[in-house]
Each structure stands twice: as C-alpha cells, then as structure tokens.
Amino acid sequence: MTGQVRTVDGRVAGRRGQATRQKLLDCLGEMLSTSPYRDVKVIDVARMAGTSPATFYQYFPDVEGAVLELADEMAKEGAGLTELVAGRSWVGKSGALAADELVDGFLSFWRRNDAILRVIDLGAAEGDKRFNRIRTRVLNSVTGSLTESIKELQSKGRVDKQVSAPAVAGSLVAMLAAVAAHQKGFTGSGVKQADLKPNLALLVHLGVTGKKPPK
C-alpha cells in the first residue's frame, strides 16, 4: 500500500493503524472466499481480525466500502495484464506464444482474485456503477492492447482492414472473462481442465490473426 492512508474522519493513519486497516481487508478477502457477500458482517470481519467493530468503522463506512477498497487494489493488479499483450509480435510462432501467455495470465489472475471478482460481477449486474467501473478498468487494460495488436497486423496487410479491431478485441476479452469466471464449472460439463487453456489460446490466436497458430 502506498501513499497516505486516512481514517473515515480524515485523519492520517499511523503505521499501526495502517497495519490494522490492512489486516481488516485481508480478513474480509478471506471471508469473501468462503461466504456469500451479503452474509459478511462487520462484527465477523472485526472478530476475525482480532479487533472491534468500532475499529472497523474508523477505516471503512461499511462492508461495501471495504469491498470497494479490495476491488480497487485488485483493479490495479489487473492493469498489469496489458503487459501480456503490449508490444508482442503476433506473427508466426511468436503469435502462438503470445496467445498462450495471455490465456495463462488471464486465467491465473482470475483464480487469484476469484472471490472479489465474483462480488464485482454481482454489483455490476445489479447496476452499481462503482463496481461496473472497476470491472471495466480490468477488462479495458487488455482490450486496448489487443485492439492495437490487431490494428498493427492490419497495417501490415496481415488482417483484413474491414475487421473491426475494437469489436474483435472486446469480444475476445469478454470470452476470456466469462470462461475465467467459470473455470470450475467446465469439469461438470465434460471439459477437461487440461484442454481448456490450449483451446482458448487457439480461439484467441484465430481472433487476432485470422489464422491457426503454426505447429
């Protein structure tokens, strides 16, 4: 955590206060991984952190406020996903590697942040603009880089110029997000986890380049 951390009433928290605030966030994140978001109560988070509800309210207005803090930190990490695409070559075997690493990085990010991402999806689906903005930040970091990659291929005559780069990039990222959010559910429908990543990478490569990856 960088920069000044303030309490709800605007005071700058000291080192001990920052540690307490972070512990509350860590405990909240752990609870979200085992309990439905609506069932998480301030008193339970405070008890798990070894402190009191009064201390919780020094740093957050309510559970939702603390969840938004977790979501914002996650979105900052998600911005790093653009590094999986930016400046990468999609020509020849380099393109196949780029697709593989994008899929692997995307699925790994979702697994690490599964609990908070489920809450963000719920809030966005209910029309909460705050959660929707955070979700958009995460997805746009990849969408923008993929759009530029497709446009670069178009400029070199490798992809049809009639293809809408933003539309293709946005569709690919939406597909990755949907699959990433339901990784565990694929097993029940007969999809082997070992088959998921290579086939997703194939779809990404086809979407970006219009061709199958070289063998």
Protein backbone atom coordinates (compact mmCIF):
# COMPACT_ATOMS: atom_id res chain seq x y z
CA MET A 1 0.00 0.00 0.00
CA THR A 2 1.45 3.35 -0.99
CA GLY A 3 0.59 6.94 -0.11
CA GLN A 4 -1.21 8.26 2.95
CA VAL A 5 -3.95 6.15 4.49
CA ARG A 6 -6.74 8.11 6.14
CA THR A 7 -9.47 7.17 8.55
CA VAL A 8 -13.13 7.81 7.75
CA ASP A 9 -12.96 11.18 9.55
CA GLY A 10 -9.93 12.28 7.53
CA ARG A 11 -7.09 11.68 9.98
CA VAL A 12 -3.84 10.23 8.63
CA ALA A 13 -3.36 6.72 9.97
CA GLY A 14 -0.04 5.85 11.56
CA ARG A 15 1.94 2.71 10.88
CA ARG A 16 -0.03 0.69 13.42
CA GLY A 17 -3.32 1.98 12.06
CA GLN A 18 -2.29 1.09 8.52
CA ALA A 19 -1.43 -2.42 9.64
CA THR A 20 -4.80 -2.78 11.35
CA ARG A 21 -6.60 -1.49 8.26
CA GLN A 22 -4.74 -3.95 6.03
CA LYS A 23 -5.49 -6.83 8.39
CA LEU A 24 -9.19 -5.98 8.21
CA LEU A 25 -9.00 -6.03 4.41
CA ASP A 26 -7.12 -9.33 4.43
CA CYS A 27 -9.71 -10.90 6.71
CA LEU A 28 -12.54 -9.56 4.58
CA GLY A 29 -10.94 -11.05 1.48
CA GLU A 30 -10.61 -14.41 3.23
CA MET A 31 -14.24 -14.32 4.32
CA LEU A 32 -15.44 -13.49 0.82
CA SER A 33 -13.75 -16.65 -0.43
CA THR A 34 -15.87 -18.82 1.87
CA SER A 35 -19.09 -16.85 2.47
CA PRO A 36 -21.66 -15.11 0.25
CA TYR A 37 -21.01 -11.36 0.06
CA ARG A 38 -24.39 -10.46 1.59
CA ASP A 39 -23.70 -12.68 4.61
CA VAL A 40 -20.46 -10.94 5.61
CA LYS A 41 -20.97 -8.68 8.64
CA VAL A 42 -18.73 -6.02 10.17
CA ILE A 43 -18.68 -7.78 13.53
CA ASP A 44 -17.46 -11.02 11.90
CA VAL A 45 -14.65 -9.27 9.99
CA ALA A 46 -13.58 -7.40 13.14
CA ARG A 47 -13.62 -10.56 15.24
CA MET A 48 -11.52 -12.43 12.69
CA ALA A 49 -9.02 -9.55 12.65
CA GLY A 50 -8.84 -9.57 16.46
CA THR A 51 -10.30 -6.09 16.84
CA SER A 52 -13.69 -4.41 17.32
CA PRO A 53 -16.45 -3.13 15.04
CA ALA A 54 -15.64 0.38 16.28
CA THR A 55 -12.12 -0.01 14.88
CA PHE A 56 -13.51 -1.26 11.59
CA TYR A 57 -15.67 1.86 11.30
CA GLN A 58 -12.62 4.05 11.81
CA TYR A 59 -11.37 2.93 8.40
CA PHE A 60 -14.46 1.94 6.40
CA PRO A 61 -18.06 3.21 6.36
CA ASP A 62 -19.41 -0.33 5.96
CA VAL A 63 -18.59 -3.74 4.45
CA GLU A 64 -19.36 -2.47 0.95
CA GLY A 65 -16.87 0.37 1.38
CA ALA A 66 -14.17 -2.10 2.39
CA VAL A 67 -15.07 -4.36 -0.54
CA LEU A 68 -14.61 -1.42 -2.90
CA GLU A 69 -11.14 -0.88 -1.43
CA LEU A 70 -10.28 -4.52 -2.14
CA ALA A 71 -11.71 -4.19 -5.63
CA ASP A 72 -9.66 -1.09 -6.35
CA GLU A 73 -6.44 -2.83 -5.30
CA MET A 74 -7.35 -5.80 -7.49
CA ALA A 75 -8.01 -3.47 -10.45
CA LYS A 76 -4.52 -2.01 -10.08
CA GLU A 77 -3.10 -5.52 -10.35
CA GLY A 78 -5.39 -6.19 -13.31
CA ALA A 79 -3.93 -3.23 -15.17
CA GLY A 80 -0.73 -5.27 -15.39
CA LEU A 81 -2.47 -7.74 -17.70
CA THR A 82 -1.82 -5.34 -20.55
CA GLU A 83 1.87 -6.33 -20.34
CA LEU A 84 0.86 -9.77 -21.64
CA VAL A 85 -0.15 -8.16 -24.94
CA ALA A 86 1.53 -4.78 -25.37
CA GLY A 87 4.44 -4.83 -27.81
CA ARG A 88 4.09 -8.55 -28.55
CA SER A 89 4.50 -9.96 -32.03
CA TRP A 90 1.58 -11.99 -33.38
CA VAL A 91 3.47 -13.27 -36.41
CA GLY A 92 4.45 -16.94 -36.67
CA LYS A 93 5.32 -18.86 -33.52
CA SER A 94 5.55 -15.58 -31.57
CA GLY A 95 1.81 -15.18 -32.02
CA ALA A 96 1.13 -18.64 -30.66
CA LEU A 97 3.29 -17.87 -27.62
CA ALA A 98 1.51 -14.53 -27.10
CA ALA A 99 -1.88 -16.24 -27.17
CA ASP A 100 -0.73 -18.95 -24.75
CA GLU A 101 0.70 -16.47 -22.27
CA LEU A 102 -2.33 -14.17 -22.45
CA VAL A 103 -4.71 -17.03 -21.68
CA ASP A 104 -2.50 -18.39 -18.90
CA GLY A 105 -2.07 -14.95 -17.33
CA PHE A 106 -5.77 -14.15 -17.58
CA LEU A 107 -6.93 -17.41 -16.02
CA SER A 108 -4.30 -17.17 -13.27
CA PHE A 109 -5.34 -13.61 -12.42
CA TRP A 110 -8.98 -14.69 -12.16
CA ARG A 111 -8.14 -17.63 -9.91
CA ARG A 112 -6.11 -15.42 -7.55
CA ASN A 113 -8.90 -12.85 -7.31
CA ASP A 114 -11.92 -15.11 -7.73
CA ALA A 115 -13.71 -14.01 -4.54
CA ILE A 116 -13.57 -10.25 -5.14
CA LEU A 117 -14.25 -10.64 -8.87
CA ARG A 118 -17.46 -12.53 -8.07
CA VAL A 119 -18.56 -9.62 -5.87
CA ILE A 120 -17.68 -7.12 -8.60
CA ASP A 121 -19.67 -9.09 -11.17
CA LEU A 122 -22.64 -9.21 -8.78
CA GLY A 123 -22.51 -5.48 -8.12
CA ALA A 124 -22.12 -4.66 -11.81
CA ALA A 125 -25.04 -6.94 -12.71
CA GLU A 126 -27.20 -5.14 -10.14
CA GLY A 127 -26.41 -1.81 -11.82
CA ASP A 128 -23.91 -0.45 -9.29
CA LYS A 129 -21.80 1.94 -11.38
CA ARG A 130 -18.88 1.79 -8.95
CA PHE A 131 -18.43 -1.94 -9.44
CA ASN A 132 -19.07 -1.63 -13.16
CA ARG A 133 -16.30 0.99 -13.48
CA ILE A 134 -13.83 -1.29 -11.70
CA ARG A 135 -14.75 -4.26 -13.91
CA THR A 136 -14.34 -2.08 -16.99
CA ARG A 137 -10.90 -0.94 -15.82
CA VAL A 138 -9.71 -4.53 -15.55
CA LEU A 139 -11.04 -5.63 -18.93
CA ASN A 140 -10.10 -2.46 -20.81
CA SER A 141 -6.45 -2.88 -19.88
CA VAL A 142 -6.34 -5.96 -22.12
CA THR A 143 -8.89 -4.84 -24.70
CA GLY A 144 -6.89 -1.72 -25.59
CA SER A 145 -3.66 -3.64 -26.11
CA LEU A 146 -5.36 -6.34 -28.20
CA THR A 147 -7.01 -3.65 -30.34
CA GLU A 148 -3.62 -2.11 -31.08
CA SER A 149 -2.17 -5.53 -31.93
CA ILE A 150 -4.93 -6.19 -34.46
CA LYS A 151 -4.57 -2.72 -35.96
CA GLU A 152 -0.83 -3.27 -36.37
CA LEU A 153 -1.49 -6.53 -38.24
CA GLN A 154 -3.99 -4.68 -40.43
CA SER A 155 -1.42 -2.00 -41.25
CA LYS A 156 0.93 -4.74 -42.48
CA GLY A 157 -1.76 -6.40 -44.58
CA ARG A 158 -1.93 -9.49 -42.38
CA VAL A 159 -5.52 -8.93 -41.24
CA ASP A 160 -8.47 -7.73 -43.37
CA LYS A 161 -8.93 -3.99 -42.85
CA GLN A 162 -12.71 -4.44 -42.81
CA VAL A 163 -12.37 -6.25 -39.49
CA SER A 164 -13.28 -4.02 -36.53
CA ALA A 165 -10.28 -4.27 -34.24
CA PRO A 166 -12.11 -2.92 -31.14
CA ALA A 167 -15.05 -5.27 -31.69
CA VAL A 168 -12.84 -8.34 -32.06
CA ALA A 169 -10.63 -7.39 -29.11
CA GLY A 170 -13.64 -6.66 -26.88
CA SER A 171 -15.28 -9.96 -27.83
CA LEU A 172 -12.12 -11.94 -27.11
CA VAL A 173 -11.68 -10.32 -23.71
CA ALA A 174 -15.36 -10.88 -22.84
CA MET A 175 -14.91 -14.54 -23.77
CA LEU A 176 -11.80 -14.83 -21.58
CA ALA A 177 -13.59 -13.18 -18.65
CA ALA A 178 -16.62 -15.45 -18.98
CA VAL A 179 -14.53 -18.61 -19.18
CA ALA A 180 -12.21 -17.49 -16.37
CA ALA A 181 -15.20 -16.87 -14.10
CA HIS A 182 -16.48 -20.42 -14.65
CA GLN A 183 -13.28 -22.45 -14.71
CA LYS A 184 -14.52 -24.90 -12.09
CA GLY A 185 -17.85 -25.35 -13.83
CA PHE A 186 -16.37 -26.76 -17.02
CA THR A 187 -15.46 -30.04 -15.35
CA GLY A 188 -19.14 -30.81 -14.77
CA SER A 189 -19.88 -30.39 -18.47
CA GLY A 190 -17.19 -32.82 -19.56
CA VAL A 191 -14.45 -30.31 -20.36
CA LYS A 192 -11.02 -31.33 -19.07
CA GLN A 193 -9.04 -28.57 -17.40
CA ALA A 194 -6.00 -29.65 -19.42
CA ASP A 195 -7.91 -28.91 -22.63
CA LEU A 196 -9.19 -25.51 -21.58
CA LYS A 197 -6.07 -23.34 -21.96
CA PRO A 198 -4.83 -24.64 -25.34
CA ASN A 199 -8.26 -24.35 -26.92
CA LEU A 200 -8.79 -20.86 -25.52
CA ALA A 201 -5.37 -19.90 -26.89
CA LEU A 202 -6.41 -21.27 -30.29
CA LEU A 203 -9.53 -19.07 -30.28
CA VAL A 204 -7.54 -16.00 -29.23
CA HIS A 205 -4.95 -16.58 -31.96
CA LEU A 206 -7.68 -17.08 -34.56
CA GLY A 207 -9.44 -13.93 -33.40
CA VAL A 208 -6.35 -11.73 -33.50
CA THR A 209 -4.64 -13.07 -36.63
CA GLY A 210 -7.45 -14.78 -38.54
CA LYS A 211 -5.24 -17.89 -38.77
CA LYS A 212 -4.48 -21.03 -36.85
CA PRO A 213 -1.20 -20.91 -34.93
CA PRO A 214 1.72 -22.62 -36.69
CA LYS A 215 2.68 -26.08 -35.47
